[in-house]
Amino acid sequence: MPNIKSAKKRVLITKKKNARNRADRSRVNNAIKAFNKAIDTANIEEAERLLPITVSIIDKGVTAGIMHKNAAANKKSAISKRLSDIKSGKVTVVVKKDNKTIAAEKARAAKEAREAARAEFRAKQLEKEAEKVEQKKKKAVKEKAEEKPAKAEKPVKEKAPKKTTKKAEEKPAEAPVEEAPKAE
């Protein structure tokens, strides 16, 4: 640590500026990475949206003094050219997959296959249960049908005719008379 007061102050200022520059440099690099990731995943609409934002962030880096203006111009030119080449068809995007992504896709596919098998198994179980319920209903209907003739075989006691009153015998039941339509 320096002994002179101005040297001490200079060390503190340097630390602050170093942290600020590191943050600005990181911001520029992250913007470029996001743009490149959009292109690598064949998301052209996202890349078109990110291009002006990335160029702006690079320009701010030049203004902050973390990047030379010619280096910034080269970076802006490179990302613009990459996008225009893909849009024009000069370059095709090959989606890069690392082993981790491939393993995740395999795991996802296996999980979907297991879920499909479970759903199919559940559907078969429900179908079997429905068949059992249907068979029970048919069996119950057959048993009821067999029980009815058994009841009919029992001797039925004949009931004595009902006694009618004189009033009921005197009044015959009147049937309603329908009128025929008139021919015109």
N, C-alpha and C. Protein backbone atom coordinates (compact mmCIF):
# COMPACT_ATOMS: atom_id res chain seq x y z
N MET A 1 0.86 -1.18 0.00
CA MET A 1 0.00 0.00 0.00
C MET A 1 0.91 1.24 0.00
N PRO A 2 0.57 2.21 -0.86
CA PRO A 2 1.42 3.42 -0.92
C PRO A 2 1.32 4.26 0.37
N ASN A 3 2.36 5.05 0.60
CA ASN A 3 2.42 5.89 1.79
C ASN A 3 1.91 7.31 1.53
N ILE A 4 2.03 7.78 0.32
CA ILE A 4 1.64 9.15 0.00
C ILE A 4 0.12 9.20 -0.20
N LYS A 5 -0.46 10.32 0.28
CA LYS A 5 -1.91 10.47 0.25
C LYS A 5 -2.45 10.43 -1.17
N SER A 6 -1.83 11.09 -2.12
CA SER A 6 -2.32 11.12 -3.51
C SER A 6 -2.23 9.73 -4.15
N ALA A 7 -1.21 8.97 -3.79
CA ALA A 7 -1.05 7.62 -4.32
C ALA A 7 -2.14 6.70 -3.77
N LYS A 8 -2.47 6.90 -2.47
CA LYS A 8 -3.56 6.13 -1.86
C LYS A 8 -4.88 6.40 -2.57
N LYS A 9 -5.11 7.70 -2.82
CA LYS A 9 -6.34 8.10 -3.50
C LYS A 9 -6.37 7.51 -4.90
N ARG A 10 -5.26 7.53 -5.59
CA ARG A 10 -5.17 7.00 -6.95
C ARG A 10 -5.51 5.50 -6.98
N VAL A 11 -5.07 4.75 -5.96
CA VAL A 11 -5.37 3.31 -5.88
C VAL A 11 -6.87 3.10 -5.74
N LEU A 12 -7.51 3.89 -4.90
CA LEU A 12 -8.97 3.76 -4.71
C LEU A 12 -9.72 4.09 -5.99
N ILE A 13 -9.31 5.16 -6.65
CA ILE A 13 -9.96 5.56 -7.90
C ILE A 13 -9.78 4.48 -8.97
N THR A 14 -8.59 3.92 -9.02
CA THR A 14 -8.31 2.86 -9.99
C THR A 14 -9.20 1.65 -9.76
N LYS A 15 -9.43 1.28 -8.50
CA LYS A 15 -10.30 0.15 -8.18
C LYS A 15 -11.72 0.41 -8.68
N LYS A 16 -12.23 1.64 -8.42
CA LYS A 16 -13.59 1.98 -8.86
C LYS A 16 -13.70 1.92 -10.38
N LYS A 17 -12.73 2.53 -11.06
CA LYS A 17 -12.77 2.55 -12.52
C LYS A 17 -12.63 1.14 -13.09
N ASN A 18 -11.78 0.35 -12.47
CA ASN A 18 -11.59 -1.03 -12.92
C ASN A 18 -12.90 -1.81 -12.81
N ALA A 19 -13.62 -1.65 -11.70
CA ALA A 19 -14.90 -2.34 -11.51
C ALA A 19 -15.93 -1.86 -12.54
N ARG A 20 -15.96 -0.53 -12.77
CA ARG A 20 -16.90 0.03 -13.74
C ARG A 20 -16.58 -0.48 -15.14
N ASN A 21 -15.29 -0.48 -15.50
CA ASN A 21 -14.89 -0.95 -16.83
C ASN A 21 -15.21 -2.43 -17.01
N ARG A 22 -14.97 -3.21 -15.95
CA ARG A 22 -15.25 -4.64 -16.03
C ARG A 22 -16.75 -4.87 -16.27
N ALA A 23 -17.61 -4.09 -15.60
CA ALA A 23 -19.05 -4.23 -15.78
C ALA A 23 -19.45 -3.85 -17.19
N ASP A 24 -18.89 -2.74 -17.72
CA ASP A 24 -19.21 -2.32 -19.08
C ASP A 24 -18.73 -3.34 -20.11
N ARG A 25 -17.53 -3.88 -19.92
CA ARG A 25 -16.99 -4.88 -20.83
C ARG A 25 -17.86 -6.14 -20.80
N SER A 26 -18.30 -6.51 -19.60
CA SER A 26 -19.16 -7.68 -19.45
C SER A 26 -20.50 -7.45 -20.15
N ARG A 27 -21.03 -6.24 -20.03
CA ARG A 27 -22.30 -5.90 -20.68
C ARG A 27 -22.18 -6.05 -22.21
N VAL A 28 -21.08 -5.56 -22.77
CA VAL A 28 -20.85 -5.67 -24.22
C VAL A 28 -20.74 -7.14 -24.63
N ASN A 29 -19.93 -7.89 -23.90
CA ASN A 29 -19.75 -9.30 -24.24
C ASN A 29 -21.05 -10.10 -24.12
N ASN A 30 -21.85 -9.79 -23.09
CA ASN A 30 -23.12 -10.50 -22.91
C ASN A 30 -24.09 -10.17 -24.04
N ALA A 31 -24.10 -8.91 -24.49
CA ALA A 31 -24.97 -8.53 -25.59
C ALA A 31 -24.59 -9.28 -26.86
N ILE A 32 -23.29 -9.38 -27.13
CA ILE A 32 -22.82 -10.10 -28.32
C ILE A 32 -23.15 -11.59 -28.20
N LYS A 33 -22.98 -12.15 -27.02
CA LYS A 33 -23.30 -13.57 -26.81
C LYS A 33 -24.79 -13.83 -27.01
N ALA A 34 -25.65 -12.93 -26.52
CA ALA A 34 -27.09 -13.10 -26.69
C ALA A 34 -27.46 -13.06 -28.16
N PHE A 35 -26.84 -12.13 -28.91
CA PHE A 35 -27.11 -12.04 -30.35
C PHE A 35 -26.67 -13.33 -31.04
N ASN A 36 -25.45 -13.80 -30.74
CA ASN A 36 -24.94 -15.02 -31.37
C ASN A 36 -25.78 -16.25 -30.99
N LYS A 37 -26.27 -16.28 -29.76
CA LYS A 37 -27.10 -17.40 -29.33
C LYS A 37 -28.41 -17.42 -30.12
N ALA A 38 -28.98 -16.24 -30.35
CA ALA A 38 -30.21 -16.17 -31.13
C ALA A 38 -29.98 -16.70 -32.55
N ILE A 39 -28.84 -16.38 -33.12
CA ILE A 39 -28.54 -16.88 -34.47
C ILE A 39 -28.26 -18.38 -34.43
N ASP A 40 -27.53 -18.85 -33.44
CA ASP A 40 -27.19 -20.27 -33.35
C ASP A 40 -28.41 -21.14 -33.15
N THR A 41 -29.45 -20.61 -32.52
CA THR A 41 -30.67 -21.38 -32.31
C THR A 41 -31.67 -21.17 -33.45
N ALA A 42 -31.22 -20.52 -34.52
CA ALA A 42 -32.04 -20.29 -35.72
C ALA A 42 -33.26 -19.42 -35.40
N ASN A 43 -33.11 -18.52 -34.46
CA ASN A 43 -34.19 -17.59 -34.09
C ASN A 43 -33.88 -16.24 -34.74
N ILE A 44 -34.18 -16.13 -36.02
CA ILE A 44 -33.80 -14.95 -36.80
C ILE A 44 -34.57 -13.71 -36.34
N GLU A 45 -35.84 -13.87 -35.99
CA GLU A 45 -36.63 -12.71 -35.53
C GLU A 45 -36.01 -12.11 -34.27
N GLU A 46 -35.59 -12.98 -33.36
CA GLU A 46 -34.96 -12.50 -32.12
C GLU A 46 -33.63 -11.81 -32.43
N ALA A 47 -32.87 -12.37 -33.37
CA ALA A 47 -31.58 -11.77 -33.75
C ALA A 47 -31.80 -10.39 -34.37
N GLU A 48 -32.83 -10.26 -35.20
CA GLU A 48 -33.13 -8.95 -35.80
C GLU A 48 -33.51 -7.94 -34.73
N ARG A 49 -34.21 -8.40 -33.71
CA ARG A 49 -34.61 -7.50 -32.62
C ARG A 49 -33.39 -7.10 -31.78
N LEU A 50 -32.45 -8.03 -31.60
CA LEU A 50 -31.27 -7.76 -30.76
C LEU A 50 -30.17 -6.97 -31.46
N LEU A 51 -30.15 -6.94 -32.78
CA LEU A 51 -29.06 -6.26 -33.50
C LEU A 51 -28.92 -4.79 -33.12
N PRO A 52 -29.98 -3.97 -33.19
CA PRO A 52 -29.80 -2.56 -32.81
C PRO A 52 -29.43 -2.37 -31.33
N ILE A 53 -29.96 -3.25 -30.49
CA ILE A 53 -29.64 -3.16 -29.06
C ILE A 53 -28.15 -3.46 -28.85
N THR A 54 -27.65 -4.49 -29.51
CA THR A 54 -26.24 -4.88 -29.38
C THR A 54 -25.33 -3.78 -29.91
N VAL A 55 -25.67 -3.21 -31.07
CA VAL A 55 -24.86 -2.13 -31.64
C VAL A 55 -24.81 -0.94 -30.68
N SER A 56 -25.95 -0.63 -30.08
CA SER A 56 -26.01 0.47 -29.13
C SER A 56 -25.11 0.22 -27.92
N ILE A 57 -25.13 -0.99 -27.42
CA ILE A 57 -24.31 -1.32 -26.25
C ILE A 57 -22.82 -1.25 -26.61
N ILE A 58 -22.47 -1.70 -27.81
CA ILE A 58 -21.06 -1.61 -28.26
C ILE A 58 -20.63 -0.14 -28.34
N ASP A 59 -21.51 0.71 -28.89
CA ASP A 59 -21.20 2.14 -28.98
C ASP A 59 -21.01 2.77 -27.59
N LYS A 60 -21.82 2.35 -26.63
CA LYS A 60 -21.67 2.86 -25.27
C LYS A 60 -20.33 2.43 -24.68
N GLY A 61 -19.88 1.21 -25.04
CA GLY A 61 -18.57 0.74 -24.59
C GLY A 61 -17.45 1.60 -25.14
N VAL A 62 -17.59 2.05 -26.40
CA VAL A 62 -16.58 2.94 -26.99
C VAL A 62 -16.58 4.27 -26.26
N THR A 63 -17.77 4.79 -25.97
CA THR A 63 -17.88 6.06 -25.27
C THR A 63 -17.28 5.98 -23.87
N ALA A 64 -17.47 4.83 -23.21
CA ALA A 64 -16.92 4.65 -21.86
C ALA A 64 -15.41 4.45 -21.90
N GLY A 65 -14.87 4.15 -23.06
CA GLY A 65 -13.43 4.00 -23.18
C GLY A 65 -12.92 2.60 -22.93
N ILE A 66 -13.79 1.62 -22.94
CA ILE A 66 -13.32 0.25 -22.69
C ILE A 66 -12.96 -0.47 -23.98
N MET A 67 -13.27 0.14 -25.11
CA MET A 67 -13.02 -0.50 -26.38
C MET A 67 -12.61 0.57 -27.39
N HIS A 68 -11.67 0.24 -28.25
CA HIS A 68 -11.25 1.18 -29.30
C HIS A 68 -12.35 1.25 -30.35
N LYS A 69 -12.49 2.42 -30.96
CA LYS A 69 -13.57 2.61 -31.93
C LYS A 69 -13.44 1.70 -33.13
N ASN A 70 -12.23 1.37 -33.55
CA ASN A 70 -12.05 0.46 -34.70
C ASN A 70 -12.42 -0.98 -34.33
N ALA A 71 -12.10 -1.39 -33.11
CA ALA A 71 -12.48 -2.72 -32.65
C ALA A 71 -14.00 -2.83 -32.58
N ALA A 72 -14.63 -1.76 -32.11
CA ALA A 72 -16.09 -1.74 -32.03
C ALA A 72 -16.69 -1.81 -33.43
N ALA A 73 -16.11 -1.07 -34.38
CA ALA A 73 -16.60 -1.10 -35.75
C ALA A 73 -16.48 -2.51 -36.34
N ASN A 74 -15.37 -3.19 -36.05
CA ASN A 74 -15.19 -4.57 -36.54
C ASN A 74 -16.25 -5.50 -35.96
N LYS A 75 -16.54 -5.37 -34.65
CA LYS A 75 -17.54 -6.23 -34.01
C LYS A 75 -18.93 -5.97 -34.59
N LYS A 76 -19.29 -4.69 -34.75
CA LYS A 76 -20.60 -4.34 -35.31
C LYS A 76 -20.72 -4.89 -36.73
N SER A 77 -19.66 -4.75 -37.50
CA SER A 77 -19.67 -5.24 -38.88
C SER A 77 -19.82 -6.76 -38.91
N ALA A 78 -19.14 -7.44 -38.02
CA ALA A 78 -19.18 -8.91 -38.01
C ALA A 78 -20.58 -9.43 -37.68
N ILE A 79 -21.20 -8.83 -36.66
CA ILE A 79 -22.53 -9.35 -36.30
C ILE A 79 -23.57 -8.98 -37.36
N SER A 80 -23.43 -7.80 -37.98
CA SER A 80 -24.36 -7.40 -39.04
C SER A 80 -24.21 -8.32 -40.25
N LYS A 81 -22.97 -8.63 -40.60
CA LYS A 81 -22.71 -9.49 -41.74
C LYS A 81 -23.25 -10.90 -41.48
N ARG A 82 -23.08 -11.38 -40.28
CA ARG A 82 -23.56 -12.72 -39.95
C ARG A 82 -25.07 -12.81 -40.11
N LEU A 83 -25.77 -11.79 -39.64
CA LEU A 83 -27.23 -11.78 -39.77
C LEU A 83 -27.66 -11.66 -41.22
N SER A 84 -27.01 -10.78 -41.98
CA SER A 84 -27.41 -10.59 -43.38
C SER A 84 -27.10 -11.84 -44.21
N ASP A 85 -26.01 -12.54 -43.91
CA ASP A 85 -25.68 -13.77 -44.63
C ASP A 85 -26.74 -14.85 -44.39
N ILE A 86 -27.20 -14.93 -43.17
CA ILE A 86 -28.21 -15.95 -42.84
C ILE A 86 -29.53 -15.59 -43.49
N LYS A 87 -29.89 -14.32 -43.45
CA LYS A 87 -31.15 -13.89 -44.07
C LYS A 87 -31.13 -14.08 -45.58
N SER A 88 -29.98 -13.83 -46.22
CA SER A 88 -29.89 -13.95 -47.69
C SER A 88 -29.75 -15.40 -48.12
N GLY A 89 -29.38 -16.29 -47.22
CA GLY A 89 -29.25 -17.70 -47.56
C GLY A 89 -27.84 -18.11 -47.90
N LYS A 90 -26.88 -17.22 -47.78
CA LYS A 90 -25.48 -17.58 -48.06
C LYS A 90 -24.97 -18.61 -47.06
N VAL A 91 -25.43 -18.45 -45.83
CA VAL A 91 -24.99 -19.35 -44.76
C VAL A 91 -26.22 -19.98 -44.15
N THR A 92 -26.14 -21.27 -43.90
CA THR A 92 -27.25 -21.93 -43.22
C THR A 92 -26.87 -22.15 -41.76
N VAL A 93 -27.87 -22.10 -40.93
CA VAL A 93 -27.64 -22.25 -39.49
C VAL A 93 -27.71 -23.72 -39.14
N VAL A 94 -26.65 -24.21 -38.57
CA VAL A 94 -26.63 -25.57 -38.07
C VAL A 94 -26.76 -25.45 -36.56
N VAL A 95 -27.88 -25.95 -36.05
CA VAL A 95 -28.12 -25.83 -34.61
C VAL A 95 -27.15 -26.76 -33.89
N LYS A 96 -26.36 -26.17 -33.02
CA LYS A 96 -25.35 -26.94 -32.30
C LYS A 96 -25.99 -27.55 -31.06
N LYS A 97 -25.68 -28.83 -30.86
CA LYS A 97 -26.17 -29.51 -29.68
C LYS A 97 -24.98 -30.12 -28.95
N ASP A 98 -24.89 -29.82 -27.68
CA ASP A 98 -23.84 -30.45 -26.90
C ASP A 98 -24.40 -31.73 -26.27
N ASN A 99 -23.54 -32.48 -25.62
CA ASN A 99 -23.96 -33.75 -25.04
C ASN A 99 -25.04 -33.57 -23.97
N LYS A 100 -24.96 -32.49 -23.25
CA LYS A 100 -25.94 -32.23 -22.20
C LYS A 100 -27.33 -32.03 -22.81
N THR A 101 -27.40 -31.27 -23.91
CA THR A 101 -28.68 -31.02 -24.57
C THR A 101 -29.23 -32.32 -25.16
N ILE A 102 -28.36 -33.10 -25.78
CA ILE A 102 -28.80 -34.37 -26.37
C ILE A 102 -29.34 -35.30 -25.29
N ALA A 103 -28.64 -35.37 -24.16
CA ALA A 103 -29.09 -36.21 -23.05
C ALA A 103 -30.43 -35.73 -22.51
N ALA A 104 -30.60 -34.42 -22.42
CA ALA A 104 -31.87 -33.87 -21.93
C ALA A 104 -33.01 -34.20 -22.89
N GLU A 105 -32.75 -34.14 -24.19
CA GLU A 105 -33.78 -34.48 -25.17
C GLU A 105 -34.15 -35.96 -25.09
N LYS A 106 -33.15 -36.83 -24.91
CA LYS A 106 -33.43 -38.24 -24.77
C LYS A 106 -34.26 -38.51 -23.52
N ALA A 107 -33.90 -37.84 -22.43
CA ALA A 107 -34.64 -38.01 -21.18
C ALA A 107 -36.08 -37.53 -21.33
N ARG A 108 -36.27 -36.41 -22.02
CA ARG A 108 -37.61 -35.88 -22.25
C ARG A 108 -38.44 -36.84 -23.10
N ALA A 109 -37.80 -37.40 -24.15
CA ALA A 109 -38.50 -38.35 -25.02
C ALA A 109 -38.89 -39.61 -24.26
N ALA A 110 -37.98 -40.09 -23.41
CA ALA A 110 -38.28 -41.28 -22.61
C ALA A 110 -39.41 -41.01 -21.64
N LYS A 111 -39.42 -39.84 -21.05
CA LYS A 111 -40.49 -39.48 -20.10
C LYS A 111 -41.83 -39.43 -20.82
N GLU A 112 -41.86 -38.83 -22.01
CA GLU A 112 -43.10 -38.77 -22.78
C GLU A 112 -43.58 -40.16 -23.16
N ALA A 113 -42.64 -41.05 -23.51
CA ALA A 113 -43.01 -42.43 -23.86
C ALA A 113 -43.60 -43.14 -22.65
N ARG A 114 -42.99 -42.93 -21.46
CA ARG A 114 -43.53 -43.55 -20.25
C ARG A 114 -44.93 -43.04 -19.95
N GLU A 115 -45.12 -41.73 -20.09
CA GLU A 115 -46.45 -41.16 -19.83
C GLU A 115 -47.48 -41.69 -20.81
N ALA A 116 -47.08 -41.85 -22.07
CA ALA A 116 -48.01 -42.40 -23.07
C ALA A 116 -48.36 -43.85 -22.73
N ALA A 117 -47.37 -44.62 -22.30
CA ALA A 117 -47.63 -46.01 -21.92
C ALA A 117 -48.56 -46.07 -20.71
N ARG A 118 -48.34 -45.19 -19.74
CA ARG A 118 -49.22 -45.15 -18.57
C ARG A 118 -50.64 -44.79 -18.96
N ALA A 119 -50.78 -43.82 -19.84
CA ALA A 119 -52.12 -43.41 -20.28
C ALA A 119 -52.82 -44.56 -21.00
N GLU A 120 -52.07 -45.28 -21.83
CA GLU A 120 -52.64 -46.42 -22.55
C GLU A 120 -53.05 -47.50 -21.57
N PHE A 121 -52.21 -47.76 -20.56
CA PHE A 121 -52.52 -48.77 -19.56
C PHE A 121 -53.77 -48.38 -18.77
N ARG A 122 -53.86 -47.09 -18.39
CA ARG A 122 -55.06 -46.61 -17.67
C ARG A 122 -56.30 -46.78 -18.51
N ALA A 123 -56.18 -46.48 -19.80
CA ALA A 123 -57.34 -46.61 -20.69
C ALA A 123 -57.79 -48.06 -20.77
N LYS A 124 -56.84 -49.00 -20.83
CA LYS A 124 -57.19 -50.42 -20.87
C LYS A 124 -57.86 -50.85 -19.56
N GLN A 125 -57.33 -50.34 -18.44
CA GLN A 125 -57.93 -50.68 -17.15
C GLN A 125 -59.37 -50.17 -17.07
N LEU A 126 -59.58 -48.94 -17.50
CA LEU A 126 -60.94 -48.38 -17.47
C LEU A 126 -61.86 -49.17 -18.38
N GLU A 127 -61.34 -49.62 -19.51
CA GLU A 127 -62.13 -50.41 -20.45
C GLU A 127 -62.53 -51.74 -19.81
N LYS A 128 -61.57 -52.39 -19.13
CA LYS A 128 -61.86 -53.66 -18.46
C LYS A 128 -62.89 -53.46 -17.36
N GLU A 129 -62.74 -52.39 -16.59
CA GLU A 129 -63.70 -52.11 -15.52
C GLU A 129 -65.09 -51.87 -16.09
N ALA A 130 -65.16 -51.17 -17.21
CA ALA A 130 -66.44 -50.92 -17.85
C ALA A 130 -67.06 -52.23 -18.32
N GLU A 131 -66.24 -53.13 -18.85
CA GLU A 131 -66.75 -54.44 -19.27
C GLU A 131 -67.29 -55.22 -18.08
N LYS A 132 -66.57 -55.18 -16.95
CA LYS A 132 -67.02 -55.89 -15.75
C LYS A 132 -68.36 -55.35 -15.27
N VAL A 133 -68.47 -54.02 -15.28
CA VAL A 133 -69.73 -53.40 -14.84
C VAL A 133 -70.86 -53.82 -15.79
N GLU A 134 -70.57 -53.83 -17.07
CA GLU A 134 -71.57 -54.22 -18.08
C GLU A 134 -71.98 -55.67 -17.88
N GLN A 135 -71.02 -56.55 -17.61
CA GLN A 135 -71.32 -57.96 -17.38
C GLN A 135 -72.16 -58.14 -16.13
N LYS A 136 -71.86 -57.37 -15.09
CA LYS A 136 -72.65 -57.45 -13.86
C LYS A 136 -74.09 -57.02 -14.12
N LYS A 137 -74.26 -55.97 -14.93
CA LYS A 137 -75.61 -55.51 -15.25
C LYS A 137 -76.37 -56.57 -16.02
N LYS A 138 -75.69 -57.18 -17.02
CA LYS A 138 -76.34 -58.23 -17.80
C LYS A 138 -76.70 -59.41 -16.92
N LYS A 139 -75.79 -59.77 -16.01
CA LYS A 139 -76.05 -60.88 -15.10
C LYS A 139 -77.23 -60.58 -14.20
N ALA A 140 -77.31 -59.35 -13.71
CA ALA A 140 -78.43 -58.96 -12.85
C ALA A 140 -79.74 -59.01 -13.63
N VAL A 141 -79.72 -58.57 -14.89
CA VAL A 141 -80.94 -58.60 -15.71
C VAL A 141 -81.37 -60.04 -15.96
N LYS A 142 -80.40 -60.94 -16.22
CA LYS A 142 -80.73 -62.35 -16.43
C LYS A 142 -81.33 -62.96 -15.18
N GLU A 143 -80.75 -62.65 -14.03
CA GLU A 143 -81.26 -63.19 -12.77
C GLU A 143 -82.67 -62.71 -12.51
N LYS A 144 -82.95 -61.46 -12.79
CA LYS A 144 -84.31 -60.93 -12.61
C LYS A 144 -85.28 -61.61 -13.57
N ALA A 145 -84.80 -61.84 -14.81
CA ALA A 145 -85.66 -62.50 -15.79
C ALA A 145 -85.94 -63.94 -15.36
N GLU A 146 -85.00 -64.62 -14.75
CA GLU A 146 -85.19 -65.98 -14.28
C GLU A 146 -86.09 -66.01 -13.05
N GLU A 147 -86.04 -64.99 -12.24
CA GLU A 147 -86.86 -64.94 -11.03
C GLU A 147 -88.32 -64.72 -11.35
N LYS A 148 -88.66 -63.95 -12.35
CA LYS A 148 -90.06 -63.65 -12.69
C LYS A 148 -90.84 -64.91 -13.07
N PRO A 149 -90.33 -65.78 -13.95
CA PRO A 149 -91.10 -67.00 -14.24
C PRO A 149 -91.24 -67.88 -13.00
N ALA A 150 -90.27 -67.86 -12.13
CA ALA A 150 -90.36 -68.66 -10.92
C ALA A 150 -91.50 -68.16 -10.06
N LYS A 151 -91.71 -66.89 -10.01
CA LYS A 151 -92.82 -66.33 -9.24
C LYS A 151 -94.14 -66.67 -9.92
N ALA A 152 -94.15 -66.71 -11.23
CA ALA A 152 -95.38 -67.01 -11.98
C ALA A 152 -95.80 -68.46 -11.77
N GLU A 153 -94.89 -69.36 -11.48
CA GLU A 153 -95.20 -70.76 -11.29
C GLU A 153 -95.97 -71.00 -10.00
N LYS A 154 -95.84 -70.13 -9.04
CA LYS A 154 -96.55 -70.30 -7.78
C LYS A 154 -98.05 -70.18 -8.05
N PRO A 155 -98.85 -70.98 -7.34
CA PRO A 155 -100.30 -70.88 -7.54
C PRO A 155 -100.80 -69.51 -7.08
N VAL A 156 -101.59 -68.94 -7.94
CA VAL A 156 -102.13 -67.63 -7.66
C VAL A 156 -103.55 -67.80 -7.17
N LYS A 157 -103.83 -67.18 -6.07
CA LYS A 157 -105.18 -67.26 -5.53
C LYS A 157 -106.06 -66.34 -6.34
N GLU A 158 -107.21 -66.89 -6.70
CA GLU A 158 -108.14 -66.07 -7.47
C GLU A 158 -108.90 -65.18 -6.51
N LYS A 159 -109.02 -63.96 -6.93
CA LYS A 159 -109.71 -63.00 -6.09
C LYS A 159 -111.18 -63.03 -6.45
N ALA A 160 -111.97 -62.76 -5.48
CA ALA A 160 -113.41 -62.70 -5.69
C ALA A 160 -113.72 -61.44 -6.45
N PRO A 161 -114.71 -61.48 -7.36
CA PRO A 161 -115.05 -60.28 -8.11
C PRO A 161 -115.52 -59.18 -7.17
N LYS A 162 -115.23 -57.98 -7.56
CA LYS A 162 -115.61 -56.84 -6.74
C LYS A 162 -117.10 -56.65 -6.78
N LYS A 163 -117.60 -56.25 -5.67
CA LYS A 163 -119.03 -55.95 -5.60
C LYS A 163 -119.23 -54.55 -6.12
N THR A 164 -120.19 -54.42 -6.99
CA THR A 164 -120.48 -53.11 -7.54
C THR A 164 -121.76 -52.58 -6.95
N THR A 165 -121.85 -51.33 -6.88
CA THR A 165 -123.06 -50.71 -6.36
C THR A 165 -124.05 -50.53 -7.50
N LYS A 166 -125.23 -50.27 -7.16
CA LYS A 166 -126.27 -50.11 -8.16
C LYS A 166 -126.02 -48.88 -9.02
N LYS A 167 -125.50 -47.85 -8.42
CA LYS A 167 -125.26 -46.63 -9.17
C LYS A 167 -124.24 -46.86 -10.28
N ALA A 168 -123.22 -47.61 -10.02
CA ALA A 168 -122.19 -47.87 -11.01
C ALA A 168 -122.75 -48.68 -12.16
N GLU A 169 -123.73 -49.62 -11.87
CA GLU A 169 -124.31 -50.43 -12.93
C GLU A 169 -125.26 -49.62 -13.79
N GLU A 170 -125.96 -48.66 -13.21
CA GLU A 170 -126.94 -47.89 -13.94
C GLU A 170 -126.30 -46.94 -14.93
N LYS A 171 -125.14 -46.35 -14.59
CA LYS A 171 -124.50 -45.38 -15.46
C LYS A 171 -123.48 -46.07 -16.35
N PRO A 172 -123.80 -46.18 -17.63
CA PRO A 172 -122.79 -46.75 -18.53
C PRO A 172 -121.70 -45.73 -18.80
N ALA A 173 -120.51 -46.23 -19.08
CA ALA A 173 -119.38 -45.35 -19.36
C ALA A 173 -119.57 -44.72 -20.71
N GLU A 174 -119.47 -43.41 -20.75
CA GLU A 174 -119.66 -42.70 -22.00
C GLU A 174 -118.31 -42.48 -22.67
N ALA A 175 -118.27 -42.85 -23.95
CA ALA A 175 -117.02 -42.64 -24.72
C ALA A 175 -117.11 -41.29 -25.38
N PRO A 176 -116.03 -40.56 -25.44
CA PRO A 176 -116.08 -39.25 -26.08
C PRO A 176 -116.30 -39.43 -27.59
N VAL A 177 -117.15 -38.56 -28.13
CA VAL A 177 -117.50 -38.62 -29.53
C VAL A 177 -116.68 -37.59 -30.27
N GLU A 178 -116.02 -38.04 -31.33
CA GLU A 178 -115.23 -37.11 -32.12
C GLU A 178 -116.05 -36.64 -33.30
N GLU A 179 -115.93 -35.39 -33.62
CA GLU A 179 -116.66 -34.84 -34.75
C GLU A 179 -115.86 -35.02 -36.03
N ALA A 180 -116.52 -35.39 -37.09
CA ALA A 180 -115.85 -35.56 -38.37
C ALA A 180 -115.66 -34.20 -39.01
N PRO A 181 -114.56 -33.99 -39.70
CA PRO A 181 -114.36 -32.70 -40.35
C PRO A 181 -115.35 -32.51 -41.50
N LYS A 182 -115.81 -31.29 -41.66
CA LYS A 182 -116.80 -30.97 -42.69
C LYS A 182 -116.11 -30.83 -44.03
N ALA A 183 -116.70 -31.37 -45.06
CA ALA A 183 -116.14 -31.25 -46.40
C ALA A 183 -116.69 -30.00 -47.05
N GLU A 184 -115.89 -29.22 -47.62
CA GLU A 184 -116.35 -28.00 -48.26
C GLU A 184 -116.34 -28.11 -49.74
